[in-house]
C-alpha atoms as a PDB file:
ATOM      1  CA  MET A   1     159.370  16.938 -10.004  1.00  0.00           C
ATOM      2  CA  ARG A   2     161.038  14.457  -7.725  1.00  0.00           C
ATOM      3  CA  LEU A   3     159.148  13.585  -4.553  1.00  0.00           C
ATOM      4  CA  LEU A   4     161.696  11.544  -2.764  1.00  0.00           C
ATOM      5  CA  ARG A   5     165.365  11.441  -2.786  1.00  0.00           C
ATOM      6  CA  LYS A   6     167.203   8.293  -4.399  1.00  0.00           C
ATOM      7  CA  LYS A   7     168.258   7.063  -1.025  1.00  0.00           C
ATOM      8  CA  ASP A   8     164.850   7.289   0.289  1.00  0.00           C
ATOM      9  CA  GLU A   9     163.371   5.511  -2.719  1.00  0.00           C
ATOM     10  CA  ASN A  10     165.977   2.791  -2.143  1.00  0.00           C
ATOM     11  CA  LEU A  11     165.008   2.344   1.424  1.00  0.00           C
ATOM     12  CA  ILE A  12     161.361   1.843   0.483  1.00  0.00           C
ATOM     13  CA  VAL A  13     161.995  -0.544  -2.346  1.00  0.00           C
ATOM     14  CA  GLU A  14     164.330  -2.613  -0.121  1.00  0.00           C
ATOM     15  CA  ALA A  15     161.497  -2.698   2.490  1.00  0.00           C
ATOM     16  CA  ILE A  16     159.106  -4.110  -0.117  1.00  0.00           C
ATOM     17  CA  ARG A  17     161.476  -6.697  -1.195  1.00  0.00           C
ATOM     18  CA  SER A  18     162.071  -7.775   2.385  1.00  0.00           C
ATOM     19  CA  ALA A  19     158.499  -7.957   3.152  1.00  0.00           C
ATOM     20  CA  GLU A  20     157.639  -9.946   0.207  1.00  0.00           C
ATOM     21  CA  LEU A  21     160.396 -12.573   1.357  1.00  0.00           C
ATOM     22  CA  ALA A  22     157.954 -13.317   4.215  1.00  0.00           C
ATOM     23  CA  THR A  23     154.722 -13.482   2.469  1.00  0.00           C
ATOM     24  CA  SER A  24     153.008 -14.390  -0.909  1.00  0.00           C
ATOM     25  CA  GLY A  25     151.448 -11.024  -0.706  1.00  0.00           C
ATOM     26  CA  GLU A  26     152.339  -8.282  -3.115  1.00  0.00           C
ATOM     27  CA  VAL A  27     153.149  -4.797  -1.801  1.00  0.00           C
ATOM     28  CA  ARG A  28     153.192  -1.512  -3.963  1.00  0.00           C
ATOM     29  CA  VAL A  29     153.770   2.054  -2.885  1.00  0.00           C
ATOM     30  CA  HIS A  30     152.280   5.034  -4.645  1.00  0.00           C
ATOM     31  CA  ILE A  31     153.335   8.517  -3.783  1.00  0.00           C
ATOM     32  CA  GLU A  32     151.983  11.733  -5.025  1.00  0.00           C
ATOM     33  CA  SER A  33     152.043  15.390  -3.980  1.00  0.00           C
ATOM     34  CA  ARG A  34     148.264  15.930  -3.395  1.00  0.00           C
ATOM     35  CA  CYS A  35     145.350  13.670  -3.055  1.00  0.00           C
ATOM     36  CA  GLU A  36     142.703  14.407  -5.780  1.00  0.00           C
ATOM     37  CA  GLU A  37     139.764  13.032  -3.656  1.00  0.00           C
ATOM     38  CA  ASP A  38     138.278  14.159  -0.320  1.00  0.00           C
ATOM     39  CA  ASN A  39     138.930  10.735   0.936  1.00  0.00           C
ATOM     40  CA  PRO A  40     142.362   9.095   0.566  1.00  0.00           C
ATOM     41  CA  LEU A  41     140.910   5.571   0.426  1.00  0.00           C
ATOM     42  CA  ASP A  42     138.808   6.618  -2.733  1.00  0.00           C
ATOM     43  CA  ARG A  43     142.078   7.750  -4.380  1.00  0.00           C
ATOM     44  CA  ALA A  44     143.933   4.763  -3.274  1.00  0.00           C
ATOM     45  CA  ALA A  45     141.335   2.272  -4.552  1.00  0.00           C
ATOM     46  CA  TRP A  46     141.381   4.042  -7.936  1.00  0.00           C
ATOM     47  CA  ILE A  47     145.128   3.819  -8.078  1.00  0.00           C
ATOM     48  CA  PHE A  48     144.945   0.137  -7.052  1.00  0.00           C
ATOM     49  CA  GLN A  49     142.856  -0.559 -10.136  1.00  0.00           C
ATOM     50  CA  GLU A  50     145.078   1.591 -12.353  1.00  0.00           C
ATOM     51  CA  LEU A  51     148.103  -0.321 -11.220  1.00  0.00           C
ATOM     52  CA  GLY A  52     146.301  -3.738 -11.966  1.00  0.00           C
ATOM     53  CA  MET A  53     146.789  -4.849  -8.479  1.00  0.00           C
ATOM     54  CA  GLU A  54     143.674  -6.895  -8.450  1.00  0.00           C
ATOM     55  CA  LYS A  55     145.231  -9.168 -11.006  1.00  0.00           C
ATOM     56  CA  THR A  56     147.339 -11.210  -8.557  1.00  0.00           C
ATOM     57  CA  ALA A  57     146.473 -14.980  -8.286  1.00  0.00           C
ATOM     58  CA  LEU A  58     145.519 -14.815  -4.682  1.00  0.00           C
ATOM     59  CA  ARG A  59     144.034 -11.362  -4.743  1.00  0.00           C
ATOM     60  CA  ASN A  60     146.704 -10.507  -2.052  1.00  0.00           C
ATOM     61  CA  GLY A  61     147.879  -7.130  -3.273  1.00  0.00           C
ATOM     62  CA  VAL A  62     148.566  -4.315  -0.778  1.00  0.00           C
ATOM     63  CA  LEU A  63     148.804  -0.584  -1.661  1.00  0.00           C
ATOM     64  CA  VAL A  64     150.485   1.929   0.615  1.00  0.00           C
ATOM     65  CA  TYR A  65     149.276   5.321  -0.624  1.00  0.00           C
ATOM     66  CA  VAL A  66     150.969   8.612   0.435  1.00  0.00           C
ATOM     67  CA  ALA A  67     149.947  12.065  -0.534  1.00  0.00           C
ATOM     68  CA  LEU A  68     152.801  14.151   0.720  1.00  0.00           C
ATOM     69  CA  LYS A  69     151.616  17.759   0.713  1.00  0.00           C
ATOM     70  CA  SER A  70     148.064  16.774   1.482  1.00  0.00           C
ATOM     71  CA  ARG A  71     149.398  14.956   4.458  1.00  0.00           C
ATOM     72  CA  GLN A  72     147.207  11.856   3.892  1.00  0.00           C
ATOM     73  CA  PHE A  73     147.934   8.261   3.612  1.00  0.00           C
ATOM     74  CA  CYS A  74     146.286   4.785   3.877  1.00  0.00           C
ATOM     75  CA  ILE A  75     146.812   1.183   3.316  1.00  0.00           C
ATOM     76  CA  ILE A  76     144.557  -0.936   1.409  1.00  0.00           C
ATOM     77  CA  GLY A  77     144.339  -4.628   0.581  1.00  0.00           C
ATOM     78  CA  ASP A  78     142.743  -6.690  -2.248  1.00  0.00           C
ATOM     79  CA  ALA A  79     139.648  -8.884  -1.772  1.00  0.00           C
ATOM     80  CA  GLY A  80     141.696 -12.018  -0.984  1.00  0.00           C
ATOM     81  CA  ILE A  81     143.171 -10.239   2.092  1.00  0.00           C
ATOM     82  CA  ASN A  82     139.960  -8.434   3.263  1.00  0.00           C
ATOM     83  CA  SER A  83     137.952 -11.533   3.232  1.00  0.00           C
ATOM     84  CA  VAL A  84     140.281 -13.190   5.907  1.00  0.00           C
ATOM     85  CA  VAL A  85     141.480 -10.359   8.223  1.00  0.00           C
ATOM     86  CA  PRO A  86     139.699  -8.231  10.814  1.00  0.00           C
ATOM     87  CA  ALA A  87     138.850  -4.640   9.878  1.00  0.00           C
ATOM     88  CA  ASP A  88     141.621  -3.229  12.108  1.00  0.00           C
ATOM     89  CA  PHE A  89     144.247  -5.390  10.333  1.00  0.00           C
ATOM     90  CA  TRP A  90     146.233  -2.503   9.007  1.00  0.00           C
ATOM     91  CA  ASP A  91     146.042  -0.277  12.194  1.00  0.00           C
ATOM     92  CA  SER A  92     149.379  -1.214  13.703  1.00  0.00           C
ATOM     93  CA  ALA A  93     151.230  -0.436  10.256  1.00  0.00           C
ATOM     94  CA  LYS A  94     149.446   2.770  10.020  1.00  0.00           C
ATOM     95  CA  ASP A  95     150.338   3.719  13.626  1.00  0.00           C
ATOM     96  CA  LEU A  96     154.025   2.995  12.870  1.00  0.00           C
ATOM     97  CA  MET A  97     153.973   5.154   9.859  1.00  0.00           C
ATOM     98  CA  LEU A  98     152.077   7.971  11.577  1.00  0.00           C
ATOM     99  CA  LYS A  99     154.801   7.984  14.406  1.00  0.00           C
ATOM    100  CA  GLU A 100     157.646   8.416  11.834  1.00  0.00           C
ATOM    101  CA  PHE A 101     155.681  10.905   9.876  1.00  0.00           C
ATOM    102  CA  ALA A 102     155.106  13.066  12.827  1.00  0.00           C
ATOM    103  CA  GLN A 103     158.991  13.289  13.271  1.00  0.00           C
ATOM    104  CA  GLY A 104     159.420  14.185   9.515  1.00  0.00           C
ATOM    105  CA  HIS A 105     160.875  10.690   8.678  1.00  0.00           C
ATOM    106  CA  ILE A 106     158.590   9.995   5.574  1.00  0.00           C
ATOM    107  CA  ALA A 107     160.640   7.291   3.985  1.00  0.00           C
ATOM    108  CA  GLN A 108     161.313   5.580   7.220  1.00  0.00           C
ATOM    109  CA  GLY A 109     157.680   5.835   8.053  1.00  0.00           C
ATOM    110  CA  ILE A 110     156.639   4.124   4.678  1.00  0.00           C
ATOM    111  CA  ALA A 111     159.444   1.403   5.162  1.00  0.00           C
ATOM    112  CA  SER A 112     158.322   0.654   8.902  1.00  0.00           C
ATOM    113  CA  GLY A 113     154.717   0.245   7.620  1.00  0.00           C
ATOM    114  CA  ILE A 114     155.792  -1.920   4.751  1.00  0.00           C
ATOM    115  CA  ASN A 115     157.814  -4.206   7.167  1.00  0.00           C
ATOM    116  CA  ARG A 116     154.816  -4.480   9.504  1.00  0.00           C
ATOM    117  CA  VAL A 117     152.596  -5.246   6.652  1.00  0.00           C
ATOM    118  CA  GLY A 118     154.912  -8.159   5.691  1.00  0.00           C
ATOM    119  CA  VAL A 119     154.696  -9.581   9.257  1.00  0.00           C
ATOM    120  CA  LEU A 120     150.915  -9.218   9.155  1.00  0.00           C
ATOM    121  CA  LEU A 121     150.504 -10.992   5.939  1.00  0.00           C
ATOM    122  CA  LYS A 122     152.856 -13.713   6.802  1.00  0.00           C
ATOM    123  CA  GLU A 123     150.324 -15.548   8.862  1.00  0.00           C
ATOM    124  CA  LYS A 124     147.497 -15.438   6.279  1.00  0.00           C
ATOM    125  CA  PHE A 125     149.634 -15.592   3.106  1.00  0.00           C
ATOM    126  CA  PRO A 126     152.930 -17.235   3.916  1.00  0.00           C
ATOM    127  CA  TYR A 127     155.769 -17.197   1.363  1.00  0.00           C
ATOM    128  CA  GLN A 128     155.446 -20.175  -1.069  1.00  0.00           C
ATOM    129  CA  ASP A 129     158.478 -21.891  -2.681  1.00  0.00           C
ATOM    130  CA  ASP A 130     156.942 -21.372  -6.024  1.00  0.00           C
ATOM    131  CA  ASP A 131     156.115 -17.787  -5.339  1.00  0.00           C
ATOM    132  CA  VAL A 132     156.451 -15.383  -8.282  1.00  0.00           C
ATOM    133  CA  ASN A 133     156.818 -11.580  -7.958  1.00  0.00           C
ATOM    134  CA  GLU A 134     153.501 -10.662  -9.728  1.00  0.00           C
ATOM    135  CA  LEU A 135     153.852  -6.890  -9.336  1.00  0.00           C
ATOM    136  CA  PRO A 136     156.762  -4.420  -9.711  1.00  0.00           C
ATOM    137  CA  ASP A 137     158.641  -3.361  -6.556  1.00  0.00           C
ATOM    138  CA  ALA A 138     159.191   0.020  -7.830  1.00  0.00           C
ATOM    139  CA  ILE A 139     157.385   3.054  -6.426  1.00  0.00           C
ATOM    140  CA  SER A 140     154.775   4.534  -8.567  1.00  0.00           C
ATOM    141  CA  TYR A 141     154.298   8.279  -8.610  1.00  0.00           C
ATOM    142  CA  GLY A 142     151.449  10.593  -9.311  1.00  0.00           C
ATOM    143  CA  LYS A 143     151.321  14.319  -9.634  1.00  0.00           C
END
């Protein structure tokens, strides 16, 4: 089952690549139909581990998790990010996403959130000349 159209996938992957040009942070997106947990943060944390996102050198991975039919989403960051940012760090990205989602623009909402994540991370984790893309840019999918 295909959860996104190819053009929507391309929009999201391009947003990931663009965001990563501004920061050494690593962004991944995971999309599935339904959230298997009561709390999407719990599900996102499990997926974060399953994708090996905690293995980045600076512990600066970010996961954007979206469960389409459950109408749930969240953004989580690794320990390196969480140790240097305030608790409300992701709120502006989540607000942008929610605004687009409310209009039925799922892919654009995800892309807008990713773009904002790149801007937010730039201050704490600026792009380095020797930066290596440690995680794939492709979207991962669940059931």
